[in-house]
PDB file of N, CA and C in Angstrom:
ATOM      1  N   MET A   1     -14.775 -13.640   9.564  1.00  0.00           N
ATOM      2  CA  MET A   1     -13.868 -13.945  10.646  1.00  0.00           C
ATOM      3  C   MET A   1     -13.272 -12.646  11.174  1.00  0.00           C
ATOM      4  N   ALA A   2     -13.406 -12.389  12.438  1.00  0.00           N
ATOM      5  CA  ALA A   2     -12.836 -11.192  13.056  1.00  0.00           C
ATOM      6  C   ALA A   2     -11.353 -11.410  13.329  1.00  0.00           C
ATOM      7  N   MET A   3     -10.588 -10.351  13.148  1.00  0.00           N
ATOM      8  CA  MET A   3      -9.160 -10.420  13.425  1.00  0.00           C
ATOM      9  C   MET A   3      -8.853  -9.662  14.700  1.00  0.00           C
ATOM     10  N   ALA A   4      -7.911 -10.150  15.447  1.00  0.00           N
ATOM     11  CA  ALA A   4      -7.492  -9.461  16.662  1.00  0.00           C
ATOM     12  C   ALA A   4      -6.735  -8.195  16.289  1.00  0.00           C
ATOM     13  N   ALA A   5      -6.817  -7.199  17.123  1.00  0.00           N
ATOM     14  CA  ALA A   5      -6.075  -5.964  16.880  1.00  0.00           C
ATOM     15  C   ALA A   5      -4.594  -6.282  16.779  1.00  0.00           C
ATOM     16  N   GLY A   6      -3.944  -5.665  15.794  1.00  0.00           N
ATOM     17  CA  GLY A   6      -2.507  -5.852  15.643  1.00  0.00           C
ATOM     18  C   GLY A   6      -2.127  -7.051  14.804  1.00  0.00           C
ATOM     19  N   THR A   7      -3.079  -7.693  14.117  1.00  0.00           N
ATOM     20  CA  THR A   7      -2.727  -8.799  13.239  1.00  0.00           C
ATOM     21  C   THR A   7      -2.948  -8.390  11.791  1.00  0.00           C
ATOM     22  N   VAL A   8      -2.260  -9.075  10.888  1.00  0.00           N
ATOM     23  CA  VAL A   8      -2.361  -8.790   9.466  1.00  0.00           C
ATOM     24  C   VAL A   8      -2.841 -10.049   8.767  1.00  0.00           C
ATOM     25  N   SER A   9      -3.866  -9.906   7.926  1.00  0.00           N
ATOM     26  CA  SER A   9      -4.416 -11.039   7.203  1.00  0.00           C
ATOM     27  C   SER A   9      -3.599 -11.316   5.951  1.00  0.00           C
ATOM     28  N   ALA A  10      -3.301 -12.580   5.706  1.00  0.00           N
ATOM     29  CA  ALA A  10      -2.576 -12.987   4.504  1.00  0.00           C
ATOM     30  C   ALA A  10      -3.526 -13.032   3.321  1.00  0.00           C
ATOM     31  N   GLY A  11      -2.981 -12.948   2.133  1.00  0.00           N
ATOM     32  CA  GLY A  11      -3.771 -13.113   0.929  1.00  0.00           C
ATOM     33  C   GLY A  11      -4.530 -11.891   0.473  1.00  0.00           C
ATOM     34  N   LEU A  12      -4.154 -10.706   0.928  1.00  0.00           N
ATOM     35  CA  LEU A  12      -4.829  -9.484   0.503  1.00  0.00           C
ATOM     36  C   LEU A  12      -4.596  -9.271  -0.983  1.00  0.00           C
ATOM     37  N   VAL A  13      -5.681  -9.013  -1.719  1.00  0.00           N
ATOM     38  CA  VAL A  13      -5.601  -8.674  -3.138  1.00  0.00           C
ATOM     39  C   VAL A  13      -6.222  -7.298  -3.324  1.00  0.00           C
ATOM     40  N   ILE A  14      -5.447  -6.386  -3.881  1.00  0.00           N
ATOM     41  CA  ILE A  14      -5.916  -5.034  -4.180  1.00  0.00           C
ATOM     42  C   ILE A  14      -6.110  -4.945  -5.690  1.00  0.00           C
ATOM     43  N   SER A  15      -7.301  -4.507  -6.115  1.00  0.00           N
ATOM     44  CA  SER A  15      -7.587  -4.405  -7.543  1.00  0.00           C
ATOM     45  C   SER A  15      -8.316  -3.104  -7.850  1.00  0.00           C
ATOM     46  N   ASN A  16      -8.461  -2.820  -9.129  1.00  0.00           N
ATOM     47  CA  ASN A  16      -9.188  -1.630  -9.596  1.00  0.00           C
ATOM     48  C   ASN A  16      -8.669  -0.331  -8.968  1.00  0.00           C
ATOM     49  N   LEU A  17      -7.371  -0.209  -8.869  1.00  0.00           N
ATOM     50  CA  LEU A  17      -6.729   0.963  -8.276  1.00  0.00           C
ATOM     51  C   LEU A  17      -6.806   2.146  -9.239  1.00  0.00           C
ATOM     52  N   THR A  18      -7.389   3.244  -8.782  1.00  0.00           N
ATOM     53  CA  THR A  18      -7.419   4.480  -9.572  1.00  0.00           C
ATOM     54  C   THR A  18      -7.018   5.647  -8.680  1.00  0.00           C
ATOM     55  N   VAL A  19      -6.320   6.609  -9.276  1.00  0.00           N
ATOM     56  CA  VAL A  19      -5.832   7.778  -8.557  1.00  0.00           C
ATOM     57  C   VAL A  19      -6.163   9.009  -9.388  1.00  0.00           C
ATOM     58  N   SER A  20      -6.752  10.018  -8.780  1.00  0.00           N
ATOM     59  CA  SER A  20      -7.176  11.193  -9.543  1.00  0.00           C
ATOM     60  C   SER A  20      -6.013  12.023 -10.064  1.00  0.00           C
ATOM     61  N   SER A  21      -4.810  11.848  -9.543  1.00  0.00           N
ATOM     62  CA  SER A  21      -3.650  12.601 -10.027  1.00  0.00           C
ATOM     63  C   SER A  21      -3.071  12.000 -11.298  1.00  0.00           C
ATOM     64  N   ASP A  22      -3.577  10.861 -11.713  1.00  0.00           N
ATOM     65  CA  ASP A  22      -3.083  10.147 -12.896  1.00  0.00           C
ATOM     66  C   ASP A  22      -1.658   9.623 -12.734  1.00  0.00           C
ATOM     67  N   GLU A  23      -1.144   9.610 -11.519  1.00  0.00           N
ATOM     68  CA  GLU A  23       0.151   8.972 -11.268  1.00  0.00           C
ATOM     69  C   GLU A  23      -0.028   7.456 -11.384  1.00  0.00           C
ATOM     70  N   SER A  24       1.043   6.752 -11.630  1.00  0.00           N
ATOM     71  CA  SER A  24       0.983   5.294 -11.797  1.00  0.00           C
ATOM     72  C   SER A  24       1.305   4.583 -10.485  1.00  0.00           C
ATOM     73  N   TYR A  25       0.389   4.686  -9.526  1.00  0.00           N
ATOM     74  CA  TYR A  25       0.573   3.985  -8.258  1.00  0.00           C
ATOM     75  C   TYR A  25       0.700   2.492  -8.535  1.00  0.00           C
ATOM     76  N   GLU A  26       1.413   1.792  -7.664  1.00  0.00           N
ATOM     77  CA  GLU A  26       1.658   0.369  -7.875  1.00  0.00           C
ATOM     78  C   GLU A  26       1.156  -0.450  -6.692  1.00  0.00           C
ATOM     79  N   VAL A  27       0.505  -1.557  -6.986  1.00  0.00           N
ATOM     80  CA  VAL A  27       0.178  -2.545  -5.966  1.00  0.00           C
ATOM     81  C   VAL A  27       1.365  -3.487  -5.909  1.00  0.00           C
ATOM     82  N   VAL A  28       1.989  -3.586  -4.746  1.00  0.00           N
ATOM     83  CA  VAL A  28       3.150  -4.448  -4.569  1.00  0.00           C
ATOM     84  C   VAL A  28       2.696  -5.649  -3.747  1.00  0.00           C
ATOM     85  N   GLU A  29       2.474  -6.759  -4.426  1.00  0.00           N
ATOM     86  CA  GLU A  29       1.958  -7.955  -3.756  1.00  0.00           C
ATOM     87  C   GLU A  29       3.049  -8.630  -2.940  1.00  0.00           C
ATOM     88  N   ASN A  30       2.750  -8.849  -1.677  1.00  0.00           N
ATOM     89  CA  ASN A  30       3.658  -9.546  -0.751  1.00  0.00           C
ATOM     90  C   ASN A  30       5.050  -8.921  -0.735  1.00  0.00           C
ATOM     91  N   GLY A  31       5.141  -7.616  -0.949  1.00  0.00           N
ATOM     92  CA  GLY A  31       6.444  -6.994  -1.157  1.00  0.00           C
ATOM     93  C   GLY A  31       6.974  -6.082  -0.081  1.00  0.00           C
ATOM     94  N   LEU A  32       6.260  -5.909   1.022  1.00  0.00           N
ATOM     95  CA  LEU A  32       6.749  -4.998   2.051  1.00  0.00           C
ATOM     96  C   LEU A  32       7.841  -5.678   2.869  1.00  0.00           C
ATOM     97  N   HIS A  33       9.055  -5.151   2.744  1.00  0.00           N
ATOM     98  CA  HIS A  33      10.235  -5.703   3.431  1.00  0.00           C
ATOM     99  C   HIS A  33      11.207  -4.569   3.713  1.00  0.00           C
ATOM    100  N   ASN A  34      12.167  -4.811   4.580  1.00  0.00           N
ATOM    101  CA  ASN A  34      13.261  -3.866   4.752  1.00  0.00           C
ATOM    102  C   ASN A  34      13.925  -3.711   3.384  1.00  0.00           C
ATOM    103  N   GLY A  35      14.128  -2.466   2.964  1.00  0.00           N
ATOM    104  CA  GLY A  35      14.775  -2.206   1.686  1.00  0.00           C
ATOM    105  C   GLY A  35      13.818  -2.024   0.517  1.00  0.00           C
ATOM    106  N   SER A  36      12.510  -2.292   0.716  1.00  0.00           N
ATOM    107  CA  SER A  36      11.564  -2.074  -0.380  1.00  0.00           C
ATOM    108  C   SER A  36      11.382  -0.577  -0.597  1.00  0.00           C
ATOM    109  N   VAL A  37      11.113  -0.190  -1.835  1.00  0.00           N
ATOM    110  CA  VAL A  37      10.988   1.217  -2.201  1.00  0.00           C
ATOM    111  C   VAL A  37       9.660   1.771  -1.693  1.00  0.00           C
ATOM    112  N   VAL A  38       9.700   2.956  -1.111  1.00  0.00           N
ATOM    113  CA  VAL A  38       8.527   3.573  -0.491  1.00  0.00           C
ATOM    114  C   VAL A  38       7.612   4.218  -1.534  1.00  0.00           C
ATOM    115  N   TYR A  39       8.165   5.025  -2.439  1.00  0.00           N
ATOM    116  CA  TYR A  39       7.382   5.822  -3.386  1.00  0.00           C
ATOM    117  C   TYR A  39       7.725   5.476  -4.835  1.00  0.00           C
ATOM    118  N   ILE A  40       6.806   5.791  -5.756  1.00  0.00           N
ATOM    119  CA  ILE A  40       7.079   5.579  -7.177  1.00  0.00           C
ATOM    120  C   ILE A  40       7.968   6.674  -7.751  1.00  0.00           C
ATOM    121  N   ASP A  41       8.064   7.809  -7.051  1.00  0.00           N
ATOM    122  CA  ASP A  41       8.813   8.942  -7.581  1.00  0.00           C
ATOM    123  C   ASP A  41      10.002   9.357  -6.704  1.00  0.00           C
ATOM    124  N   ARG A  42      10.437   8.490  -5.838  1.00  0.00           N
ATOM    125  CA  ARG A  42      11.616   8.726  -4.999  1.00  0.00           C
ATOM    126  C   ARG A  42      12.347   7.398  -4.822  1.00  0.00           C
ATOM    127  N   SER A  43      13.601   7.468  -4.437  1.00  0.00           N
ATOM    128  CA  SER A  43      14.371   6.237  -4.223  1.00  0.00           C
ATOM    129  C   SER A  43      14.449   5.851  -2.747  1.00  0.00           C
ATOM    130  N   TYR A  44      13.646   6.498  -1.887  1.00  0.00           N
ATOM    131  CA  TYR A  44      13.636   6.168  -0.456  1.00  0.00           C
ATOM    132  C   TYR A  44      13.217   4.717  -0.277  1.00  0.00           C
ATOM    133  N   THR A  45      13.820   4.070   0.720  1.00  0.00           N
ATOM    134  CA  THR A  45      13.457   2.688   1.024  1.00  0.00           C
ATOM    135  C   THR A  45      13.045   2.556   2.489  1.00  0.00           C
ATOM    136  N   HIS A  46      12.255   1.531   2.754  1.00  0.00           N
ATOM    137  CA  HIS A  46      11.872   1.227   4.139  1.00  0.00           C
ATOM    138  C   HIS A  46      13.101   0.666   4.844  1.00  0.00           C
ATOM    139  N   SER A  47      13.465   1.253   5.971  1.00  0.00           N
ATOM    140  CA  SER A  47      14.645   0.757   6.682  1.00  0.00           C
ATOM    141  C   SER A  47      14.285  -0.289   7.726  1.00  0.00           C
ATOM    142  N   ILE A  48      13.143  -0.114   8.397  1.00  0.00           N
ATOM    143  CA  ILE A  48      12.733  -1.088   9.411  1.00  0.00           C
ATOM    144  C   ILE A  48      11.236  -1.352   9.263  1.00  0.00           C
ATOM    145  N   VAL A  49      10.896  -2.506   8.737  1.00  0.00           N
ATOM    146  CA  VAL A  49       9.500  -2.925   8.626  1.00  0.00           C
ATOM    147  C   VAL A  49       9.250  -3.914   9.759  1.00  0.00           C
ATOM    148  N   PRO A  50       8.261  -3.657  10.602  1.00  0.00           N
ATOM    149  CA  PRO A  50       7.976  -4.595  11.693  1.00  0.00           C
ATOM    150  C   PRO A  50       7.744  -6.012  11.153  1.00  0.00           C
ATOM    151  N   ILE A  51       8.181  -6.992  11.890  1.00  0.00           N
ATOM    152  CA  ILE A  51       8.080  -8.394  11.462  1.00  0.00           C
ATOM    153  C   ILE A  51       6.653  -8.757  11.076  1.00  0.00           C
ATOM    154  N   MET A  52       5.662  -8.273  11.835  1.00  0.00           N
ATOM    155  CA  MET A  52       4.268  -8.642  11.542  1.00  0.00           C
ATOM    156  C   MET A  52       3.769  -8.071  10.217  1.00  0.00           C
ATOM    157  N   LEU A  53       4.460  -7.075   9.657  1.00  0.00           N
ATOM    158  CA  LEU A  53       4.064  -6.481   8.373  1.00  0.00           C
ATOM    159  C   LEU A  53       4.907  -6.957   7.198  1.00  0.00           C
ATOM    160  N   GLN A  54       6.023  -7.610   7.467  1.00  0.00           N
ATOM    161  CA  GLN A  54       6.893  -8.054   6.383  1.00  0.00           C
ATOM    162  C   GLN A  54       6.167  -9.050   5.489  1.00  0.00           C
ATOM    163  N   GLY A  55       6.315  -8.844   4.188  1.00  0.00           N
ATOM    164  CA  GLY A  55       5.692  -9.715   3.213  1.00  0.00           C
ATOM    165  C   GLY A  55       4.249  -9.371   2.896  1.00  0.00           C
ATOM    166  N   THR A  56       3.746  -8.254   3.425  1.00  0.00           N
ATOM    167  CA  THR A  56       2.364  -7.882   3.143  1.00  0.00           C
ATOM    168  C   THR A  56       2.279  -7.100   1.830  1.00  0.00           C
ATOM    169  N   THR A  57       1.064  -6.993   1.320  1.00  0.00           N
ATOM    170  CA  THR A  57       0.788  -6.261   0.097  1.00  0.00           C
ATOM    171  C   THR A  57       0.533  -4.799   0.454  1.00  0.00           C
ATOM    172  N   TYR A  58       1.066  -3.885  -0.376  1.00  0.00           N
ATOM    173  CA  TYR A  58       0.857  -2.465  -0.118  1.00  0.00           C
ATOM    174  C   TYR A  58       0.751  -1.691  -1.424  1.00  0.00           C
ATOM    175  N   ILE A  59       0.290  -0.451  -1.328  1.00  0.00           N
ATOM    176  CA  ILE A  59       0.193   0.435  -2.482  1.00  0.00           C
ATOM    177  C   ILE A  59       1.360   1.416  -2.423  1.00  0.00           C
ATOM    178  N   LYS A  60       2.187   1.397  -3.466  1.00  0.00           N
ATOM    179  CA  LYS A  60       3.299   2.338  -3.556  1.00  0.00           C
ATOM    180  C   LYS A  60       2.756   3.617  -4.195  1.00  0.00           C
ATOM    181  N   THR A  61       2.774   4.712  -3.433  1.00  0.00           N
ATOM    182  CA  THR A  61       2.187   5.978  -3.850  1.00  0.00           C
ATOM    183  C   THR A  61       3.259   6.947  -4.354  1.00  0.00           C
ATOM    184  N   ALA A  62       2.837   8.136  -4.736  1.00  0.00           N
ATOM    185  CA  ALA A  62       3.762   9.179  -5.182  1.00  0.00           C
ATOM    186  C   ALA A  62       3.989  10.191  -4.064  1.00  0.00           C
ATOM    187  N   ASN A  63       5.233  10.456  -3.742  1.00  0.00           N
ATOM    188  CA  ASN A  63       5.547  11.470  -2.745  1.00  0.00           C
ATOM    189  C   ASN A  63       5.034  12.834  -3.177  1.00  0.00           C
ATOM    190  N   ASP A  64       5.040  13.114  -4.481  1.00  0.00           N
ATOM    191  CA  ASP A  64       4.564  14.398  -4.981  1.00  0.00           C
ATOM    192  C   ASP A  64       3.069  14.609  -4.747  1.00  0.00           C
ATOM    193  N   ASP A  65       2.332  13.551  -4.419  1.00  0.00           N
ATOM    194  CA  ASP A  65       0.905  13.655  -4.130  1.00  0.00           C
ATOM    195  C   ASP A  65       0.610  13.897  -2.657  1.00  0.00           C
ATOM    196  N   LYS A  66       1.617  14.182  -1.859  1.00  0.00           N
ATOM    197  CA  LYS A  66       1.434  14.280  -0.412  1.00  0.00           C
ATOM    198  C   LYS A  66       0.415  15.330   0.014  1.00  0.00           C
ATOM    199  N   SER A  67       0.160  16.334  -0.792  1.00  0.00           N
ATOM    200  CA  SER A  67      -0.821  17.361  -0.431  1.00  0.00           C
ATOM    201  C   SER A  67      -2.180  17.113  -1.077  1.00  0.00           C
ATOM    202  N   SER A  68      -2.305  16.024  -1.812  1.00  0.00           N
ATOM    203  CA  SER A  68      -3.562  15.713  -2.488  1.00  0.00           C
ATOM    204  C   SER A  68      -4.552  15.115  -1.509  1.00  0.00           C
ATOM    205  N   GLY A  69      -5.814  15.210  -1.831  1.00  0.00           N
ATOM    206  CA  GLY A  69      -6.827  14.661  -0.944  1.00  0.00           C
ATOM    207  C   GLY A  69      -8.170  14.609  -1.612  1.00  0.00           C
ATOM    208  N   GLY A  70      -9.173  14.454  -0.800  1.00  0.00           N
ATOM    209  CA  GLY A  70     -10.531  14.355  -1.294  1.00  0.00           C
ATOM    210  C   GLY A  70     -11.067  12.955  -1.079  1.00  0.00           C
ATOM    211  N   SER A  71     -12.368  12.836  -1.071  1.00  0.00           N
ATOM    212  CA  SER A  71     -12.986  11.547  -0.760  1.00  0.00           C
ATOM    213  C   SER A  71     -12.780  10.507  -1.845  1.00  0.00           C
ATOM    214  N   SER A  72     -12.428  10.920  -3.061  1.00  0.00           N
ATOM    215  CA  SER A  72     -12.216   9.925  -4.117  1.00  0.00           C
ATOM    216  C   SER A  72     -10.853  10.091  -4.785  1.00  0.00           C
ATOM    217  N   PHE A  73      -9.879  10.643  -4.058  1.00  0.00           N
ATOM    218  CA  PHE A  73      -8.530  10.801  -4.614  1.00  0.00           C
ATOM    219  C   PHE A  73      -7.951   9.464  -5.031  1.00  0.00           C
ATOM    220  N   ILE A  74      -8.109   8.465  -4.177  1.00  0.00           N
ATOM    221  CA  ILE A  74      -7.639   7.117  -4.490  1.00  0.00           C
ATOM    222  C   ILE A  74      -8.774   6.147  -4.177  1.00  0.00           C
ATOM    223  N   THR A  75      -9.024   5.248  -5.105  1.00  0.00           N
ATOM    224  CA  THR A  75     -10.035   4.215  -4.881  1.00  0.00           C
ATOM    225  C   THR A  75      -9.465   2.870  -5.302  1.00  0.00           C
ATOM    226  N   PHE A  76      -9.934   1.821  -4.643  1.00  0.00           N
ATOM    227  CA  PHE A  76      -9.503   0.467  -4.979  1.00  0.00           C
ATOM    228  C   PHE A  76     -10.461  -0.520  -4.325  1.00  0.00           C
ATOM    229  N   ASP A  77     -10.411  -1.753  -4.796  1.00  0.00           N
ATOM    230  CA  ASP A  77     -11.191  -2.842  -4.207  1.00  0.00           C
ATOM    231  C   ASP A  77     -10.228  -3.800  -3.512  1.00  0.00           C
ATOM    232  N   VAL A  78     -10.723  -4.468  -2.490  1.00  0.00           N
ATOM    233  CA  VAL A  78      -9.953  -5.503  -1.802  1.00  0.00           C
ATOM    234  C   VAL A  78     -10.816  -6.745  -1.640  1.00  0.00           C
ATOM    235  N   ASN A  79     -10.173  -7.863  -1.431  1.00  0.00           N
ATOM    236  CA  ASN A  79     -10.896  -9.135  -1.334  1.00  0.00           C
ATOM    237  C   ASN A  79     -11.245  -9.548   0.089  1.00  0.00           C
ATOM    238  N   GLN A  80     -11.061  -8.646   1.055  1.00  0.00           N
ATOM    239  CA  GLN A  80     -11.338  -8.964   2.450  1.00  0.00           C
ATOM    240  C   GLN A  80     -11.583  -7.672   3.224  1.00  0.00           C
ATOM    241  N   ASP A  81     -12.087  -7.797   4.419  1.00  0.00           N
ATOM    242  CA  ASP A  81     -12.294  -6.627   5.272  1.00  0.00           C
ATOM    243  C   ASP A  81     -10.960  -5.976   5.570  1.00  0.00           C
ATOM    244  N   VAL A  82     -10.942  -4.654   5.510  1.00  0.00           N
ATOM    245  CA  VAL A  82      -9.709  -3.915   5.836  1.00  0.00           C
ATOM    246  C   VAL A  82     -10.067  -2.741   6.740  1.00  0.00           C
TER     247      VAL A  82
END
């Protein structure tokens, strides 16, 4: 099923998350909301999450990894097209 641009599919499942920095990234299921924590290593919170994204699943990353990269820095599986 094709999705229109600007829509978010419900029921996203992220699994098999691995990060080459060995940080403990977190999959936050249905957790993106105003006030949710942005990073695993900072206390910053999202102040304004657009309504269409509220309640979606996301990966909470490490701010200290901001300069990291590479084609396999982070890998994961999902249950739908993304």
